């Protein structure tokens, strides 16, 4: 008889505990506050590169397919022949082909 009474009490206790857990109000999850970070590199990528003012380091860093030698060739061409009249004139530089120009056309400007 004692065992049955003990099991009845345990059943009642566990049942009430589980009902209390299920019936407890759920608080909405609080999203963590994330600091807003502005990427300086992203803003510089949207700005176009002026072929008549950029140095070889900038050309090398910003243009796809342009290494140190091609960047120096662009600057040397500009120093010998004067400022670029158009972006298409970049094809006159040794080592710069149509594929490289097409890849970088949206990044370049001539002022």
PDB file of N, CA and C in Angstrom:
ATOM      1  N   UNK A   1       0.806  -1.188   0.000  1.00  0.00           N
ATOM      2  CA  UNK A   1       0.000   0.000   0.000  1.00  0.00           C
ATOM      3  C   UNK A   1       0.848   1.250   0.000  1.00  0.00           C
ATOM      4  N   UNK A   2       1.937   1.215   0.764  1.00  0.00           N
ATOM      5  CA  UNK A   2       2.830   2.372   0.804  1.00  0.00           C
ATOM      6  C   UNK A   2       3.448   2.626  -0.567  1.00  0.00           C
ATOM      7  N   UNK A   3       3.780   1.567  -1.262  1.00  0.00           N
ATOM      8  CA  UNK A   3       4.400   1.727  -2.573  1.00  0.00           C
ATOM      9  C   UNK A   3       3.415   2.372  -3.539  1.00  0.00           C
ATOM     10  N   UNK A   4       2.185   1.948  -3.528  1.00  0.00           N
ATOM     11  CA  UNK A   4       1.181   2.532  -4.405  1.00  0.00           C
ATOM     12  C   UNK A   4       0.952   3.998  -4.091  1.00  0.00           C
ATOM     13  N   UNK A   5       0.941   4.337  -2.790  1.00  0.00           N
ATOM     14  CA  UNK A   5       0.770   5.728  -2.375  1.00  0.00           C
ATOM     15  C   UNK A   5       1.958   6.574  -2.842  1.00  0.00           C
ATOM     16  N   UNK A   6       3.179   6.020  -2.699  1.00  0.00           N
ATOM     17  CA  UNK A   6       4.392   6.717  -3.118  1.00  0.00           C
ATOM     18  C   UNK A   6       4.369   6.975  -4.632  1.00  0.00           C
ATOM     19  N   UNK A   7       3.999   5.943  -5.414  1.00  0.00           N
ATOM     20  CA  UNK A   7       3.954   6.103  -6.859  1.00  0.00           C
ATOM     21  C   UNK A   7       2.876   7.104  -7.283  1.00  0.00           C
ATOM     22  N   UNK A   8       1.790   7.141  -6.585  1.00  0.00           N
ATOM     23  CA  UNK A   8       0.731   8.103  -6.890  1.00  0.00           C
ATOM     24  C   UNK A   8       1.197   9.527  -6.640  1.00  0.00           C
ATOM     25  N   UNK A   9       1.908   9.731  -5.531  1.00  0.00           N
ATOM     26  CA  UNK A   9       2.459  11.064  -5.236  1.00  0.00           C
ATOM     27  C   UNK A   9       3.503  11.479  -6.277  1.00  0.00           C
ATOM     28  N   UNK A  10       4.367  10.568  -6.659  1.00  0.00           N
ATOM     29  CA  UNK A  10       5.395  10.876  -7.669  1.00  0.00           C
ATOM     30  C   UNK A  10       4.745  11.210  -9.014  1.00  0.00           C
ATOM     31  N   UNK A  11       3.713  10.447  -9.385  1.00  0.00           N
ATOM     32  CA  UNK A  11       3.005  10.710 -10.627  1.00  0.00           C
ATOM     33  C   UNK A  11       2.365  12.091 -10.604  1.00  0.00           C
ATOM     34  N   UNK A  12       1.732  12.436  -9.504  1.00  0.00           N
ATOM     35  CA  UNK A  12       1.087  13.738  -9.372  1.00  0.00           C
ATOM     36  C   UNK A  12       2.111  14.853  -9.411  1.00  0.00           C
ATOM     37  N   UNK A  13       3.242  14.660  -8.758  1.00  0.00           N
ATOM     38  CA  UNK A  13       4.295  15.675  -8.735  1.00  0.00           C
ATOM     39  C   UNK A  13       4.875  15.895 -10.136  1.00  0.00           C
ATOM     40  N   UNK A  14       5.213  14.824 -10.819  1.00  0.00           N
ATOM     41  CA  UNK A  14       5.798  14.942 -12.157  1.00  0.00           C
ATOM     42  C   UNK A  14       4.793  15.507 -13.169  1.00  0.00           C
ATOM     43  N   UNK A  15       3.542  15.131 -13.046  1.00  0.00           N
ATOM     44  CA  UNK A  15       2.519  15.644 -13.944  1.00  0.00           C
ATOM     45  C   UNK A  15       2.344  17.144 -13.757  1.00  0.00           C
ATOM     46  N   UNK A  16       2.272  17.583 -12.504  1.00  0.00           N
ATOM     47  CA  UNK A  16       2.105  19.020 -12.265  1.00  0.00           C
ATOM     48  C   UNK A  16       3.340  19.809 -12.713  1.00  0.00           C
ATOM     49  N   UNK A  17       4.526  19.216 -12.559  1.00  0.00           N
ATOM     50  CA  UNK A  17       5.744  19.900 -13.007  1.00  0.00           C
ATOM     51  C   UNK A  17       5.769  20.022 -14.522  1.00  0.00           C
ATOM     52  N   UNK A  18       5.375  18.973 -15.228  1.00  0.00           N
ATOM     53  CA  UNK A  18       5.392  19.036 -16.691  1.00  0.00           C
ATOM     54  C   UNK A  18       4.326  19.992 -17.215  1.00  0.00           C
ATOM     55  N   UNK A  19       3.167  20.040 -16.548  1.00  0.00           N
ATOM     56  CA  UNK A  19       2.124  20.990 -16.953  1.00  0.00           C
ATOM     57  C   UNK A  19       2.588  22.416 -16.715  1.00  0.00           C
ATOM     58  N   UNK A  20       3.314  22.655 -15.633  1.00  0.00           N
ATOM     59  CA  UNK A  20       3.815  23.996 -15.337  1.00  0.00           C
ATOM     60  C   UNK A  20       4.834  24.440 -16.380  1.00  0.00           C
ATOM     61  N   UNK A  21       5.650  23.513 -16.819  1.00  0.00           N
ATOM     62  CA  UNK A  21       6.656  23.851 -17.825  1.00  0.00           C
ATOM     63  C   UNK A  21       5.990  24.148 -19.164  1.00  0.00           C
ATOM     64  N   UNK A  22       5.020  23.354 -19.543  1.00  0.00           N
ATOM     65  CA  UNK A  22       4.356  23.538 -20.827  1.00  0.00           C
ATOM     66  C   UNK A  22       3.517  24.815 -20.815  1.00  0.00           C
ATOM     67  N   UNK A  23       2.897  25.119 -19.700  1.00  0.00           N
ATOM     68  CA  UNK A  23       2.005  26.272 -19.621  1.00  0.00           C
ATOM     69  C   UNK A  23       2.737  27.576 -19.346  1.00  0.00           C
ATOM     70  N   UNK A  24       4.043  27.521 -19.083  1.00  0.00           N
ATOM     71  CA  UNK A  24       4.797  28.741 -18.782  1.00  0.00           C
ATOM     72  C   UNK A  24       4.836  29.635 -20.016  1.00  0.00           C
ATOM     73  N   UNK A  25       4.706  30.943 -19.819  1.00  0.00           N
ATOM     74  CA  UNK A  25       4.749  31.843 -20.973  1.00  0.00           C
ATOM     75  C   UNK A  25       6.161  31.857 -21.583  1.00  0.00           C
ATOM     76  N   UNK A  26       6.177  31.892 -22.881  1.00  0.00           N
ATOM     77  CA  UNK A  26       7.446  31.896 -23.596  1.00  0.00           C
ATOM     78  C   UNK A  26       7.797  33.333 -23.931  1.00  0.00           C
ATOM     79  N   UNK A  27       8.969  33.742 -23.516  1.00  0.00           N
ATOM     80  CA  UNK A  27       9.407  35.097 -23.851  1.00  0.00           C
ATOM     81  C   UNK A  27       9.972  35.085 -25.272  1.00  0.00           C
ATOM     82  N   UNK A  28       9.688  36.113 -26.044  1.00  0.00           N
ATOM     83  CA  UNK A  28      10.209  36.143 -27.419  1.00  0.00           C
ATOM     84  C   UNK A  28      11.732  36.261 -27.393  1.00  0.00           C
ATOM     85  N   UNK A  29      12.379  35.601 -28.315  1.00  0.00           N
ATOM     86  CA  UNK A  29      13.840  35.681 -28.339  1.00  0.00           C
ATOM     87  C   UNK A  29      14.300  37.106 -28.660  1.00  0.00           C
ATOM     88  N   UNK A  30      15.293  37.540 -27.955  1.00  0.00           N
ATOM     89  CA  UNK A  30      15.837  38.878 -28.156  1.00  0.00           C
ATOM     90  C   UNK A  30      17.004  38.760 -29.128  1.00  0.00           C
ATOM     91  N   UNK A  31      16.888  39.414 -30.279  1.00  0.00           N
ATOM     92  CA  UNK A  31      18.004  39.325 -31.227  1.00  0.00           C
ATOM     93  C   UNK A  31      19.224  40.059 -30.661  1.00  0.00           C
ATOM     94  N   UNK A  32      20.397  39.501 -30.872  1.00  0.00           N
ATOM     95  CA  UNK A  32      21.597  40.170 -30.384  1.00  0.00           C
ATOM     96  C   UNK A  32      21.838  41.461 -31.157  1.00  0.00           C
ATOM     97  N   UNK A  33      22.315  42.453 -30.472  1.00  0.00           N
ATOM     98  CA  UNK A  33      22.603  43.722 -31.140  1.00  0.00           C
ATOM     99  C   UNK A  33      23.941  43.605 -31.859  1.00  0.00           C
ATOM    100  N   UNK A  34      23.871  43.862 -33.134  1.00  0.00           N
ATOM    101  CA  UNK A  34      25.057  43.762 -33.968  1.00  0.00           C
ATOM    102  C   UNK A  34      25.508  45.170 -34.302  1.00  0.00           C
ATOM    103  N   UNK A  35      26.780  45.482 -34.044  1.00  0.00           N
ATOM    104  CA  UNK A  35      27.245  46.822 -34.395  1.00  0.00           C
ATOM    105  C   UNK A  35      27.276  46.997 -35.913  1.00  0.00           C
ATOM    106  N   UNK A  36      26.956  48.183 -36.349  1.00  0.00           N
ATOM    107  CA  UNK A  36      26.952  48.488 -37.777  1.00  0.00           C
ATOM    108  C   UNK A  36      28.370  48.862 -38.186  1.00  0.00           C
ATOM    109  N   UNK A  37      28.865  48.141 -39.161  1.00  0.00           N
ATOM    110  CA  UNK A  37      30.215  48.369 -39.644  1.00  0.00           C
ATOM    111  C   UNK A  37      30.132  48.749 -41.111  1.00  0.00           C
ATOM    112  N   UNK A  38      30.745  49.834 -41.457  1.00  0.00           N
ATOM    113  CA  UNK A  38      30.788  50.269 -42.853  1.00  0.00           C
ATOM    114  C   UNK A  38      32.121  49.822 -43.427  1.00  0.00           C
ATOM    115  N   UNK A  39      32.046  49.061 -44.487  1.00  0.00           N
ATOM    116  CA  UNK A  39      33.245  48.536 -45.116  1.00  0.00           C
ATOM    117  C   UNK A  39      33.843  49.607 -46.029  1.00  0.00           C
ATOM    118  N   UNK A  40      35.005  50.086 -45.666  1.00  0.00           N
ATOM    119  CA  UNK A  40      35.651  51.127 -46.460  1.00  0.00           C
ATOM    120  C   UNK A  40      36.093  50.586 -47.812  1.00  0.00           C
ATOM    121  N   UNK A  41      36.451  49.314 -47.865  1.00  0.00           N
ATOM    122  CA  UNK A  41      36.885  48.727 -49.129  1.00  0.00           C
ATOM    123  C   UNK A  41      35.729  48.662 -50.113  1.00  0.00           C
ATOM    124  N   UNK A  42      34.535  48.397 -49.631  1.00  0.00           N
ATOM    125  CA  UNK A  42      33.383  48.319 -50.525  1.00  0.00           C
ATOM    126  C   UNK A  42      33.068  49.673 -51.139  1.00  0.00           C
ATOM    127  N   UNK A  43      33.216  50.730 -50.361  1.00  0.00           N
ATOM    128  CA  UNK A  43      32.925  52.051 -50.916  1.00  0.00           C
ATOM    129  C   UNK A  43      33.987  52.489 -51.909  1.00  0.00           C
ATOM    130  N   UNK A  44      35.234  52.063 -51.698  1.00  0.00           N
ATOM    131  CA  UNK A  44      36.278  52.453 -52.635  1.00  0.00           C
ATOM    132  C   UNK A  44      36.152  51.688 -53.948  1.00  0.00           C
ATOM    133  N   UNK A  45      35.555  50.472 -53.902  1.00  0.00           N
ATOM    134  CA  UNK A  45      35.396  49.704 -55.123  1.00  0.00           C
ATOM    135  C   UNK A  45      34.336  50.310 -56.032  1.00  0.00           C
ATOM    136  N   UNK A  46      33.384  51.025 -55.456  1.00  0.00           N
ATOM    137  CA  UNK A  46      32.350  51.630 -56.285  1.00  0.00           C
ATOM    138  C   UNK A  46      32.874  52.867 -57.012  1.00  0.00           C
ATOM    139  N   UNK A  47      33.915  53.518 -56.477  1.00  0.00           N
ATOM    140  CA  UNK A  47      34.498  54.679 -57.122  1.00  0.00           C
ATOM    141  C   UNK A  47      35.339  54.211 -58.314  1.00  0.00           C
ATOM    142  N   UNK A  48      35.245  54.953 -59.401  1.00  0.00           N
ATOM    143  CA  UNK A  48      36.001  54.582 -60.593  1.00  0.00           C
ATOM    144  C   UNK A  48      37.435  55.091 -60.496  1.00  0.00           C
ATOM    145  N   UNK A  49      38.311  54.414 -61.211  1.00  0.00           N
ATOM    146  CA  UNK A  49      39.734  54.758 -61.233  1.00  0.00           C
ATOM    147  C   UNK A  49      39.991  55.628 -62.449  1.00  0.00           C
ATOM    148  N   UNK A  50      40.594  56.785 -62.216  1.00  0.00           N
ATOM    149  CA  UNK A  50      40.926  57.687 -63.307  1.00  0.00           C
ATOM    150  C   UNK A  50      42.260  57.249 -63.897  1.00  0.00           C
ATOM    151  N   UNK A  51      42.251  56.860 -65.153  1.00  0.00           N
ATOM    152  CA  UNK A  51      43.474  56.396 -65.808  1.00  0.00           C
ATOM    153  C   UNK A  51      44.543  57.478 -65.903  1.00  0.00           C
ATOM    154  N   UNK A  52      44.154  58.736 -65.889  1.00  0.00           N
ATOM    155  CA  UNK A  52      45.126  59.818 -66.024  1.00  0.00           C
ATOM    156  C   UNK A  52      45.726  60.257 -64.698  1.00  0.00           C
ATOM    157  N   UNK A  53      45.220  59.744 -63.575  1.00  0.00           N
ATOM    158  CA  UNK A  53      45.744  60.167 -62.278  1.00  0.00           C
ATOM    159  C   UNK A  53      46.252  59.023 -61.419  1.00  0.00           C
ATOM    160  N   UNK A  54      45.819  57.798 -61.669  1.00  0.00           N
ATOM    161  CA  UNK A  54      46.162  56.666 -60.810  1.00  0.00           C
ATOM    162  C   UNK A  54      47.626  56.283 -60.953  1.00  0.00           C
ATOM    163  N   UNK A  55      48.236  55.952 -59.814  1.00  0.00           N
ATOM    164  CA  UNK A  55      49.622  55.478 -59.852  1.00  0.00           C
ATOM    165  C   UNK A  55      49.633  53.968 -60.090  1.00  0.00           C
ATOM    166  N   UNK A  56      50.823  53.416 -60.294  1.00  0.00           N
ATOM    167  CA  UNK A  56      50.915  51.999 -60.648  1.00  0.00           C
ATOM    168  C   UNK A  56      50.432  51.094 -59.513  1.00  0.00           C
ATOM    169  N   UNK A  57      50.643  51.471 -58.258  1.00  0.00           N
ATOM    170  CA  UNK A  57      50.196  50.648 -57.131  1.00  0.00           C
ATOM    171  C   UNK A  57      48.667  50.563 -57.097  1.00  0.00           C
ATOM    172  N   UNK A  58      47.996  51.670 -57.348  1.00  0.00           N
ATOM    173  CA  UNK A  58      46.533  51.679 -57.370  1.00  0.00           C
ATOM    174  C   UNK A  58      46.011  50.854 -58.536  1.00  0.00           C
ATOM    175  N   UNK A  59      46.601  51.009 -59.690  1.00  0.00           N
ATOM    176  CA  UNK A  59      46.173  50.235 -60.860  1.00  0.00           C
ATOM    177  C   UNK A  59      46.346  48.742 -60.621  1.00  0.00           C
ATOM    178  N   UNK A  60      47.475  48.379 -60.029  1.00  0.00           N
ATOM    179  CA  UNK A  60      47.761  46.978 -59.760  1.00  0.00           C
ATOM    180  C   UNK A  60      46.766  46.397 -58.749  1.00  0.00           C
ATOM    181  N   UNK A  61      46.436  47.180 -57.739  1.00  0.00           N
ATOM    182  CA  UNK A  61      45.558  46.700 -56.675  1.00  0.00           C
ATOM    183  C   UNK A  61      44.099  46.627 -57.114  1.00  0.00           C
ATOM    184  N   UNK A  62      43.637  47.580 -57.882  1.00  0.00           N
ATOM    185  CA  UNK A  62      42.211  47.697 -58.199  1.00  0.00           C
ATOM    186  C   UNK A  62      41.779  46.987 -59.480  1.00  0.00           C
ATOM    187  N   UNK A  63      42.682  46.792 -60.414  1.00  0.00           N
ATOM    188  CA  UNK A  63      42.289  46.226 -61.707  1.00  0.00           C
ATOM    189  C   UNK A  63      42.554  44.728 -61.759  1.00  0.00           C
ATOM    190  N   UNK A  64      41.601  44.007 -62.296  1.00  0.00           N
ATOM    191  CA  UNK A  64      41.706  42.558 -62.424  1.00  0.00           C
ATOM    192  C   UNK A  64      42.597  42.204 -63.605  1.00  0.00           C
ATOM    193  N   UNK A  65      43.563  41.334 -63.377  1.00  0.00           N
ATOM    194  CA  UNK A  65      44.459  40.903 -64.444  1.00  0.00           C
ATOM    195  C   UNK A  65      45.605  41.849 -64.711  1.00  0.00           C
ATOM    196  N   UNK A  66      45.760  42.876 -63.880  1.00  0.00           N
ATOM    197  CA  UNK A  66      46.842  43.842 -64.050  1.00  0.00           C
ATOM    198  C   UNK A  66      47.812  43.676 -62.886  1.00  0.00           C
ATOM    199  N   UNK A  67      49.011  43.216 -63.233  1.00  0.00           N
ATOM    200  CA  UNK A  67      50.050  43.052 -62.229  1.00  0.00           C
ATOM    201  C   UNK A  67      50.976  44.249 -62.212  1.00  0.00           C
ATOM    202  N   UNK A  68      52.121  44.059 -61.584  1.00  0.00           N
ATOM    203  CA  UNK A  68      53.075  45.164 -61.436  1.00  0.00           C
ATOM    204  C   UNK A  68      53.596  45.652 -62.789  1.00  0.00           C
ATOM    205  N   UNK A  69      53.946  44.717 -63.665  1.00  0.00           N
ATOM    206  CA  UNK A  69      54.521  45.095 -64.969  1.00  0.00           C
ATOM    207  C   UNK A  69      53.501  45.849 -65.833  1.00  0.00           C
ATOM    208  N   UNK A  70      52.267  45.382 -65.870  1.00  0.00           N
ATOM    209  CA  UNK A  70      51.242  46.043 -66.693  1.00  0.00           C
ATOM    210  C   UNK A  70      50.861  47.399 -66.104  1.00  0.00           C
ATOM    211  N   UNK A  71      50.833  47.492 -64.786  1.00  0.00           N
ATOM    212  CA  UNK A  71      50.520  48.774 -64.153  1.00  0.00           C
ATOM    213  C   UNK A  71      51.610  49.799 -64.470  1.00  0.00           C
ATOM    214  N   UNK A  72      52.860  49.373 -64.410  1.00  0.00           N
ATOM    215  CA  UNK A  72      53.963  50.287 -64.756  1.00  0.00           C
ATOM    216  C   UNK A  72      53.928  50.651 -66.241  1.00  0.00           C
ATOM    217  N   UNK A  73      53.510  49.702 -67.082  1.00  0.00           N
ATOM    218  CA  UNK A  73      53.408  49.988 -68.522  1.00  0.00           C
ATOM    219  C   UNK A  73      52.318  51.021 -68.793  1.00  0.00           C
ATOM    220  N   UNK A  74      51.219  50.965 -68.044  1.00  0.00           N
ATOM    221  CA  UNK A  74      50.145  51.955 -68.217  1.00  0.00           C
ATOM    222  C   UNK A  74      50.645  53.345 -67.839  1.00  0.00           C
ATOM    223  N   UNK A  75      51.358  53.434 -66.716  1.00  0.00           N
ATOM    224  CA  UNK A  75      51.885  54.730 -66.273  1.00  0.00           C
ATOM    225  C   UNK A  75      52.935  55.238 -67.252  1.00  0.00           C
ATOM    226  N   UNK A  76      53.792  54.350 -67.742  1.00  0.00           N
ATOM    227  CA  UNK A  76      54.827  54.751 -68.705  1.00  0.00           C
ATOM    228  C   UNK A  76      54.193  55.241 -70.010  1.00  0.00           C
ATOM    229  N   UNK A  77      53.152  54.560 -70.475  1.00  0.00           N
ATOM    230  CA  UNK A  77      52.457  54.995 -71.691  1.00  0.00           C
ATOM    231  C   UNK A  77      51.875  56.387 -71.496  1.00  0.00           C
ATOM    232  N   UNK A  78      51.283  56.615 -70.343  1.00  0.00           N
ATOM    233  CA  UNK A  78      50.677  57.917 -70.050  1.00  0.00           C
ATOM    234  C   UNK A  78      51.740  59.012 -70.003  1.00  0.00           C
ATOM    235  N   UNK A  79      52.896  58.703 -69.432  1.00  0.00           N
ATOM    236  CA  UNK A  79      53.966  59.707 -69.348  1.00  0.00           C
ATOM    237  C   UNK A  79      54.555  60.013 -70.721  1.00  0.00           C
ATOM    238  N   UNK A  80      54.616  59.002 -71.594  1.00  0.00           N
ATOM    239  CA  UNK A  80      55.201  59.235 -72.920  1.00  0.00           C
ATOM    240  C   UNK A  80      54.232  59.855 -73.909  1.00  0.00           C
ATOM    241  N   UNK A  81      52.979  59.418 -73.877  1.00  0.00           N
ATOM    242  CA  UNK A  81      52.015  59.849 -74.889  1.00  0.00           C
ATOM    243  C   UNK A  81      51.006  60.877 -74.389  1.00  0.00           C
ATOM    244  N   UNK A  82      51.098  61.270 -73.151  1.00  0.00           N
ATOM    245  CA  UNK A  82      50.140  62.222 -72.607  1.00  0.00           C
ATOM    246  C   UNK A  82      48.941  61.502 -72.022  1.00  0.00           C
ATOM    247  N   UNK A  83      47.999  62.270 -71.530  1.00  0.00           N
ATOM    248  CA  UNK A  83      46.834  61.656 -70.867  1.00  0.00           C
ATOM    249  C   UNK A  83      45.982  60.840 -71.845  1.00  0.00           C
ATOM    250  N   UNK A  84      45.305  59.855 -71.286  1.00  0.00           N
ATOM    251  CA  UNK A  84      44.409  59.016 -72.078  1.00  0.00           C
ATOM    252  C   UNK A  84      43.205  59.850 -72.522  1.00  0.00           C
ATOM    253  N   UNK A  85      42.818  59.703 -73.783  1.00  0.00           N
ATOM    254  CA  UNK A  85      41.647  60.404 -74.297  1.00  0.00           C
ATOM    255  C   UNK A  85      40.382  59.602 -74.029  1.00  0.00           C
ATOM    256  N   UNK A  86      40.503  58.281 -73.991  1.00  0.00           N
ATOM    257  CA  UNK A  86      39.355  57.418 -73.704  1.00  0.00           C
ATOM    258  C   UNK A  86      39.858  56.134 -73.037  1.00  0.00           C
ATOM    259  N   UNK A  87      38.945  55.397 -72.467  1.00  0.00           N
ATOM    260  CA  UNK A  87      39.304  54.128 -71.830  1.00  0.00           C
ATOM    261  C   UNK A  87      39.781  53.132 -72.888  1.00  0.00           C
ATOM    262  N   UNK A  88      39.230  53.209 -74.082  1.00  0.00           N
ATOM    263  CA  UNK A  88      39.624  52.296 -75.158  1.00  0.00           C
ATOM    264  C   UNK A  88      41.080  52.474 -75.579  1.00  0.00           C
ATOM    265  N   UNK A  89      41.660  53.631 -75.304  1.00  0.00           N
ATOM    266  CA  UNK A  89      43.060  53.865 -75.646  1.00  0.00           C
ATOM    267  C   UNK A  89      43.991  52.969 -74.825  1.00  0.00           C
ATOM    268  N   UNK A  90      43.459  52.378 -73.770  1.00  0.00           N
ATOM    269  CA  UNK A  90      44.245  51.464 -72.931  1.00  0.00           C
ATOM    270  C   UNK A  90      44.715  50.249 -73.735  1.00  0.00           C
ATOM    271  N   UNK A  91      44.027  49.949 -74.829  1.00  0.00           N
ATOM    272  CA  UNK A  91      44.427  48.832 -75.688  1.00  0.00           C
ATOM    273  C   UNK A  91      45.778  49.076 -76.354  1.00  0.00           C
ATOM    274  N   UNK A  92      46.201  50.329 -76.418  1.00  0.00           N
ATOM    275  CA  UNK A  92      47.486  50.668 -77.021  1.00  0.00           C
ATOM    276  C   UNK A  92      48.660  50.298 -76.116  1.00  0.00           C
ATOM    277  N   UNK A  93      48.403  50.068 -74.840  1.00  0.00           N
ATOM    278  CA  UNK A  93      49.462  49.728 -73.892  1.00  0.00           C
ATOM    279  C   UNK A  93      49.847  48.272 -74.101  1.00  0.00           C
ATOM    280  N   UNK A  94      51.149  48.027 -74.160  1.00  0.00           N
ATOM    281  CA  UNK A  94      51.649  46.673 -74.361  1.00  0.00           C
ATOM    282  C   UNK A  94      51.247  45.795 -73.176  1.00  0.00           C
ATOM    283  N   UNK A  95      50.642  44.654 -73.480  1.00  0.00           N
ATOM    284  CA  UNK A  95      50.229  43.712 -72.442  1.00  0.00           C
ATOM    285  C   UNK A  95      48.766  43.826 -72.053  1.00  0.00           C
ATOM    286  N   UNK A  96      48.116  44.894 -72.501  1.00  0.00           N
ATOM    287  CA  UNK A  96      46.691  45.064 -72.203  1.00  0.00           C
ATOM    288  C   UNK A  96      45.905  44.671 -73.437  1.00  0.00           C
ATOM    289  N   UNK A  97      45.092  43.650 -73.286  1.00  0.00           N
ATOM    290  CA  UNK A  97      44.279  43.169 -74.399  1.00  0.00           C
ATOM    291  C   UNK A  97      42.812  43.463 -74.178  1.00  0.00           C
ATOM    292  N   UNK A  98      42.021  43.022 -75.125  1.00  0.00           N
ATOM    293  CA  UNK A  98      40.585  43.270 -75.068  1.00  0.00           C
ATOM    294  C   UNK A  98      39.950  42.601 -73.849  1.00  0.00           C
ATOM    295  N   UNK A  99      40.410  41.416 -73.482  1.00  0.00           N
ATOM    296  CA  UNK A  99      39.827  40.691 -72.338  1.00  0.00           C
ATOM    297  C   UNK A  99      40.046  41.453 -71.036  1.00  0.00           C
ATOM    298  N   UNK A 100      41.245  41.957 -70.828  1.00  0.00           N
ATOM    299  CA  UNK A 100      41.543  42.711 -69.604  1.00  0.00           C
ATOM    300  C   UNK A 100      40.753  44.012 -69.588  1.00  0.00           C
ATOM    301  N   UNK A 101      40.670  44.677 -70.737  1.00  0.00           N
ATOM    302  CA  UNK A 101      39.904  45.918 -70.808  1.00  0.00           C
ATOM    303  C   UNK A 101      38.425  45.670 -70.520  1.00  0.00           C
ATOM    304  N   UNK A 102      37.864  44.617 -71.097  1.00  0.00           N
ATOM    305  CA  UNK A 102      36.448  44.315 -70.879  1.00  0.00           C
ATOM    306  C   UNK A 102      36.171  43.965 -69.415  1.00  0.00           C
ATOM    307  N   UNK A 103      37.108  43.256 -68.762  1.00  0.00           N
ATOM    308  CA  UNK A 103      36.937  42.902 -67.352  1.00  0.00           C
ATOM    309  C   UNK A 103      36.922  44.125 -66.445  1.00  0.00           C
ATOM    310  N   UNK A 104      37.661  45.157 -66.838  1.00  0.00           N
ATOM    311  CA  UNK A 104      37.842  46.325 -65.975  1.00  0.00           C
ATOM    312  C   UNK A 104      37.159  47.590 -66.480  1.00  0.00           C
ATOM    313  N   UNK A 105      36.444  47.520 -67.571  1.00  0.00           N
ATOM    314  CA  UNK A 105      35.859  48.714 -68.183  1.00  0.00           C
ATOM    315  C   UNK A 105      34.962  49.485 -67.219  1.00  0.00           C
ATOM    316  N   UNK A 106      34.169  48.781 -66.413  1.00  0.00           N
ATOM    317  CA  UNK A 106      33.255  49.471 -65.491  1.00  0.00           C
ATOM    318  C   UNK A 106      33.971  50.110 -64.316  1.00  0.00           C
ATOM    319  N   UNK A 107      35.229  49.784 -64.095  1.00  0.00           N
ATOM    320  CA  UNK A 107      36.001  50.374 -62.999  1.00  0.00           C
ATOM    321  C   UNK A 107      36.810  51.597 -63.451  1.00  0.00           C
ATOM    322  N   UNK A 108      36.889  51.828 -64.741  1.00  0.00           N
ATOM    323  CA  UNK A 108      37.782  52.860 -65.282  1.00  0.00           C
ATOM    324  C   UNK A 108      37.027  54.070 -65.798  1.00  0.00           C
ATOM    325  N   UNK A 109      37.700  55.207 -65.709  1.00  0.00           N
ATOM    326  CA  UNK A 109      37.208  56.433 -66.305  1.00  0.00           C
ATOM    327  C   UNK A 109      38.385  57.292 -66.720  1.00  0.00           C
ATOM    328  N   UNK A 110      38.122  58.253 -67.582  1.00  0.00           N
ATOM    329  CA  UNK A 110      39.140  59.186 -68.050  1.00  0.00           C
ATOM    330  C   UNK A 110      38.592  60.587 -67.857  1.00  0.00           C
ATOM    331  N   UNK A 111      39.273  61.385 -67.065  1.00  0.00           N
ATOM    332  CA  UNK A 111      38.871  62.786 -66.855  1.00  0.00           C
ATOM    333  C   UNK A 111      39.948  63.717 -67.327  1.00  0.00           C
TER     334      UNK A 111
END
